[in-house]
Amino acid sequence: RSETNMRDLLSCAAADSDPVDVLVDMFTVEVRHRRSAGAQHRQSVDKARKLMSLVAETPQYRLRWMEWSENLADAITEFLAGHFDLGDDVFTRSLPSRLIVHVSSNAYIWWTDAKEPHELDELVAAHRSGIGMVLAGLQRMNGGR
């Protein structure tokens, strides 16, 4: 279900949308949906953090998480191809999407490993800075950067 929702976010994004915004939204949509008012918000964030911590720390879950994330790489590549000149070489064309998948997993690991719990906004900011770093090295379709 989550993978389908994430693919839908990519395919439904407006042509003039900011790629960083779309990708950050895609990778954090499930956790951000847990956001609500008052005490429920804190409990929901704590549950999300515990779940992601379990996934990151358990080898079997972590492998499944990485496999699931890698399944999104083709969809991310196609999305990026609408905004950036990725070239024709299969390796260099797909590398940005694989780096972005890696950025997301590292952002979640950072978020769950903190001694002082990070807020959801910090998880979003970690995604934004990491994805922005990857995309900064790509040539925009219109010739700009």
C-alpha atoms as a PDB file:
ATOM      1  CA  ARG A   1       0.000   0.000   0.000  1.00  0.00           C
ATOM      2  CA  SER A   2       2.679   2.486   0.964  1.00  0.00           C
ATOM      3  CA  GLU A   3       4.768   1.815  -2.152  1.00  0.00           C
ATOM      4  CA  THR A   4       1.712   2.367  -4.352  1.00  0.00           C
ATOM      5  CA  ASN A   5       0.921   5.646  -2.577  1.00  0.00           C
ATOM      6  CA  MET A   6       4.516   6.788  -2.979  1.00  0.00           C
ATOM      7  CA  ARG A   7       4.531   5.954  -6.693  1.00  0.00           C
ATOM      8  CA  ASP A   8       1.245   7.838  -7.077  1.00  0.00           C
ATOM      9  CA  LEU A   9       2.782  10.928  -5.471  1.00  0.00           C
ATOM     10  CA  LEU A  10       5.553  10.855  -8.065  1.00  0.00           C
ATOM     11  CA  SER A  11       3.324  10.228 -11.063  1.00  0.00           C
ATOM     12  CA  CYS A  12       0.743  12.847 -10.017  1.00  0.00           C
ATOM     13  CA  ALA A  13       3.280  15.600  -9.290  1.00  0.00           C
ATOM     14  CA  ALA A  14       2.864  18.701 -11.423  1.00  0.00           C
ATOM     15  CA  ALA A  15       5.480  19.164 -14.142  1.00  0.00           C
ATOM     16  CA  ASP A  16       6.584  22.452 -12.569  1.00  0.00           C
ATOM     17  CA  SER A  17       6.787  21.080  -9.021  1.00  0.00           C
ATOM     18  CA  ASP A  18      10.006  21.330  -7.040  1.00  0.00           C
ATOM     19  CA  PRO A  19      11.633  17.868  -7.218  1.00  0.00           C
ATOM     20  CA  VAL A  20      13.041  18.189  -3.685  1.00  0.00           C
ATOM     21  CA  ASP A  21       9.581  18.970  -2.279  1.00  0.00           C
ATOM     22  CA  VAL A  22       7.974  16.051  -4.119  1.00  0.00           C
ATOM     23  CA  LEU A  23      10.635  13.548  -3.035  1.00  0.00           C
ATOM     24  CA  VAL A  24      10.653  14.726   0.584  1.00  0.00           C
ATOM     25  CA  ASP A  25       6.860  14.477   0.666  1.00  0.00           C
ATOM     26  CA  MET A  26       7.011  11.006  -0.859  1.00  0.00           C
ATOM     27  CA  PHE A  27       9.519   9.602   1.640  1.00  0.00           C
ATOM     28  CA  THR A  28       7.877  11.152   4.714  1.00  0.00           C
ATOM     29  CA  VAL A  29       4.169  10.982   3.837  1.00  0.00           C
ATOM     30  CA  GLU A  30       3.374   7.967   6.025  1.00  0.00           C
ATOM     31  CA  VAL A  31       5.065   9.404   9.119  1.00  0.00           C
ATOM     32  CA  ARG A  32       3.631  12.884   8.534  1.00  0.00           C
ATOM     33  CA  HIS A  33       0.112  11.412   8.362  1.00  0.00           C
ATOM     34  CA  ARG A  34       0.578  10.400  11.984  1.00  0.00           C
ATOM     35  CA  ARG A  35       0.696  14.075  12.914  1.00  0.00           C
ATOM     36  CA  SER A  36      -2.327  15.155  14.957  1.00  0.00           C
ATOM     37  CA  ALA A  37      -3.150  17.433  17.852  1.00  0.00           C
ATOM     38  CA  GLY A  38      -2.124  17.104  21.502  1.00  0.00           C
ATOM     39  CA  ALA A  39      -1.035  13.936  23.272  1.00  0.00           C
ATOM     40  CA  GLN A  40      -2.078  11.748  20.363  1.00  0.00           C
ATOM     41  CA  HIS A  41       0.606  13.445  18.283  1.00  0.00           C
ATOM     42  CA  ARG A  42       3.383  12.562  20.738  1.00  0.00           C
ATOM     43  CA  GLN A  43       2.218   8.949  21.067  1.00  0.00           C
ATOM     44  CA  SER A  44       1.955   8.593  17.309  1.00  0.00           C
ATOM     45  CA  VAL A  45       5.422  10.055  16.709  1.00  0.00           C
ATOM     46  CA  ASP A  46       6.886   7.788  19.386  1.00  0.00           C
ATOM     47  CA  LYS A  47       5.233   4.746  17.777  1.00  0.00           C
ATOM     48  CA  ALA A  48       6.590   5.707  14.369  1.00  0.00           C
ATOM     49  CA  ARG A  49      10.076   6.183  15.813  1.00  0.00           C
ATOM     50  CA  LYS A  50       9.939   2.810  17.621  1.00  0.00           C
ATOM     51  CA  LEU A  51       8.750   1.050  14.476  1.00  0.00           C
ATOM     52  CA  MET A  52      11.500   2.581  12.346  1.00  0.00           C
ATOM     53  CA  SER A  53      14.065   1.786  15.038  1.00  0.00           C
ATOM     54  CA  LEU A  54      12.963  -1.860  15.003  1.00  0.00           C
ATOM     55  CA  VAL A  55      13.189  -1.946  11.211  1.00  0.00           C
ATOM     56  CA  ALA A  56      16.656  -0.344  11.204  1.00  0.00           C
ATOM     57  CA  GLU A  57      18.058  -2.578  13.962  1.00  0.00           C
ATOM     58  CA  THR A  58      16.666  -5.952  12.870  1.00  0.00           C
ATOM     59  CA  PRO A  59      18.666  -7.445   9.978  1.00  0.00           C
ATOM     60  CA  GLN A  60      15.689  -9.197   8.358  1.00  0.00           C
ATOM     61  CA  TYR A  61      13.484  -6.105   8.516  1.00  0.00           C
ATOM     62  CA  ARG A  62      16.313  -3.877   7.357  1.00  0.00           C
ATOM     63  CA  LEU A  63      16.892  -6.065   4.282  1.00  0.00           C
ATOM     64  CA  ARG A  64      13.180  -5.989   3.461  1.00  0.00           C
ATOM     65  CA  TRP A  65      13.154  -2.207   3.959  1.00  0.00           C
ATOM     66  CA  MET A  66      16.102  -1.789   1.584  1.00  0.00           C
ATOM     67  CA  GLU A  67      14.509  -4.116  -0.977  1.00  0.00           C
ATOM     68  CA  TRP A  68      11.231  -2.206  -0.732  1.00  0.00           C
ATOM     69  CA  SER A  69      13.055   1.115  -1.106  1.00  0.00           C
ATOM     70  CA  GLU A  70      15.043  -0.131  -4.094  1.00  0.00           C
ATOM     71  CA  ASN A  71      11.745  -1.029  -5.773  1.00  0.00           C
ATOM     72  CA  LEU A  72      11.029   2.711  -5.893  1.00  0.00           C
ATOM     73  CA  ALA A  73      14.280   3.538  -7.705  1.00  0.00           C
ATOM     74  CA  ASP A  74      12.852   3.136 -11.225  1.00  0.00           C
ATOM     75  CA  ALA A  75       9.881   5.372 -10.434  1.00  0.00           C
ATOM     76  CA  ILE A  76      12.212   7.977  -8.908  1.00  0.00           C
ATOM     77  CA  THR A  77      14.478   7.818 -11.973  1.00  0.00           C
ATOM     78  CA  GLU A  78      11.532   8.441 -14.289  1.00  0.00           C
ATOM     79  CA  PHE A  79      10.377  11.326 -12.115  1.00  0.00           C
ATOM     80  CA  LEU A  80      13.860  12.863 -12.102  1.00  0.00           C
ATOM     81  CA  ALA A  81      14.129  12.433 -15.883  1.00  0.00           C
ATOM     82  CA  GLY A  82      11.265  14.908 -16.209  1.00  0.00           C
ATOM     83  CA  HIS A  83      13.317  17.554 -14.398  1.00  0.00           C
ATOM     84  CA  PHE A  84      16.984  16.761 -15.038  1.00  0.00           C
ATOM     85  CA  ASP A  85      19.217  15.581 -17.859  1.00  0.00           C
ATOM     86  CA  LEU A  86      20.129  12.111 -16.615  1.00  0.00           C
ATOM     87  CA  GLY A  87      21.827  10.999 -19.832  1.00  0.00           C
ATOM     88  CA  ASP A  88      21.525   7.619 -21.522  1.00  0.00           C
ATOM     89  CA  ASP A  89      24.059   5.564 -19.572  1.00  0.00           C
ATOM     90  CA  VAL A  90      22.086   3.114 -17.433  1.00  0.00           C
ATOM     91  CA  PHE A  91      24.393   3.431 -14.422  1.00  0.00           C
ATOM     92  CA  THR A  92      24.586   7.227 -14.261  1.00  0.00           C
ATOM     93  CA  ARG A  93      20.893   7.551 -15.139  1.00  0.00           C
ATOM     94  CA  SER A  94      19.813   5.396 -12.179  1.00  0.00           C
ATOM     95  CA  LEU A  95      22.478   6.466  -9.664  1.00  0.00           C
ATOM     96  CA  PRO A  96      20.706   9.630  -8.398  1.00  0.00           C
ATOM     97  CA  SER A  97      17.576   7.656  -7.486  1.00  0.00           C
ATOM     98  CA  ARG A  98      19.613   5.028  -5.641  1.00  0.00           C
ATOM     99  CA  LEU A  99      21.470   7.746  -3.736  1.00  0.00           C
ATOM    100  CA  ILE A 100      18.144   9.349  -2.814  1.00  0.00           C
ATOM    101  CA  VAL A 101      16.860   6.001  -1.493  1.00  0.00           C
ATOM    102  CA  HIS A 102      20.048   5.759   0.585  1.00  0.00           C
ATOM    103  CA  VAL A 103      19.577   9.337   1.859  1.00  0.00           C
ATOM    104  CA  SER A 104      16.083   8.451   3.053  1.00  0.00           C
ATOM    105  CA  SER A 105      17.170   5.328   4.911  1.00  0.00           C
ATOM    106  CA  ASN A 106      20.000   7.263   6.573  1.00  0.00           C
ATOM    107  CA  ALA A 107      17.622  10.071   7.545  1.00  0.00           C
ATOM    108  CA  TYR A 108      15.320   7.567   9.255  1.00  0.00           C
ATOM    109  CA  ILE A 109      18.237   5.855  11.008  1.00  0.00           C
ATOM    110  CA  TRP A 110      19.502   9.246  12.237  1.00  0.00           C
ATOM    111  CA  TRP A 111      15.974  10.100  13.404  1.00  0.00           C
ATOM    112  CA  THR A 112      15.575   6.860  15.377  1.00  0.00           C
ATOM    113  CA  ASP A 113      19.109   6.708  16.829  1.00  0.00           C
ATOM    114  CA  ALA A 114      19.106  10.137  18.467  1.00  0.00           C
ATOM    115  CA  LYS A 115      19.642  10.202  22.229  1.00  0.00           C
ATOM    116  CA  GLU A 116      17.234  13.128  22.413  1.00  0.00           C
ATOM    117  CA  PRO A 117      14.242  12.316  20.191  1.00  0.00           C
ATOM    118  CA  HIS A 118      14.037  14.394  17.044  1.00  0.00           C
ATOM    119  CA  GLU A 119      10.730  15.899  15.974  1.00  0.00           C
ATOM    120  CA  LEU A 120       9.059  15.054  12.679  1.00  0.00           C
ATOM    121  CA  ASP A 121      10.129  18.424  11.300  1.00  0.00           C
ATOM    122  CA  GLU A 122      13.749  17.383  11.834  1.00  0.00           C
ATOM    123  CA  LEU A 123      13.158  14.151   9.909  1.00  0.00           C
ATOM    124  CA  VAL A 124      11.691  16.175   7.043  1.00  0.00           C
ATOM    125  CA  ALA A 125      14.630  18.619   7.208  1.00  0.00           C
ATOM    126  CA  ALA A 126      17.132  15.738   7.093  1.00  0.00           C
ATOM    127  CA  HIS A 127      15.431  14.391   3.974  1.00  0.00           C
ATOM    128  CA  ARG A 128      15.346  17.871   2.425  1.00  0.00           C
ATOM    129  CA  SER A 129      19.064  18.536   2.973  1.00  0.00           C
ATOM    130  CA  GLY A 130      20.191  15.093   1.801  1.00  0.00           C
ATOM    131  CA  ILE A 131      17.973  14.968  -1.278  1.00  0.00           C
ATOM    132  CA  GLY A 132      18.884  18.564  -2.092  1.00  0.00           C
ATOM    133  CA  MET A 133      22.558  17.617  -1.921  1.00  0.00           C
ATOM    134  CA  VAL A 134      22.062  14.795  -4.441  1.00  0.00           C
ATOM    135  CA  LEU A 135      19.973  16.895  -6.819  1.00  0.00           C
ATOM    136  CA  ALA A 136      22.372  19.858  -6.657  1.00  0.00           C
ATOM    137  CA  GLY A 137      24.805  17.863  -8.775  1.00  0.00           C
ATOM    138  CA  LEU A 138      22.333  17.294 -11.609  1.00  0.00           C
ATOM    139  CA  GLN A 139      21.826  19.438 -14.703  1.00  0.00           C
ATOM    140  CA  ARG A 140      18.269  20.816 -15.013  1.00  0.00           C
ATOM    141  CA  MET A 141      16.389  20.119 -18.245  1.00  0.00           C
ATOM    142  CA  ASN A 142      16.131  23.833 -19.045  1.00  0.00           C
ATOM    143  CA  GLY A 143      19.923  24.194 -18.913  1.00  0.00           C
ATOM    144  CA  GLY A 144      20.038  25.690 -15.392  1.00  0.00           C
ATOM    145  CA  ARG A 145      21.038  24.058 -12.155  1.00  0.00           C
END
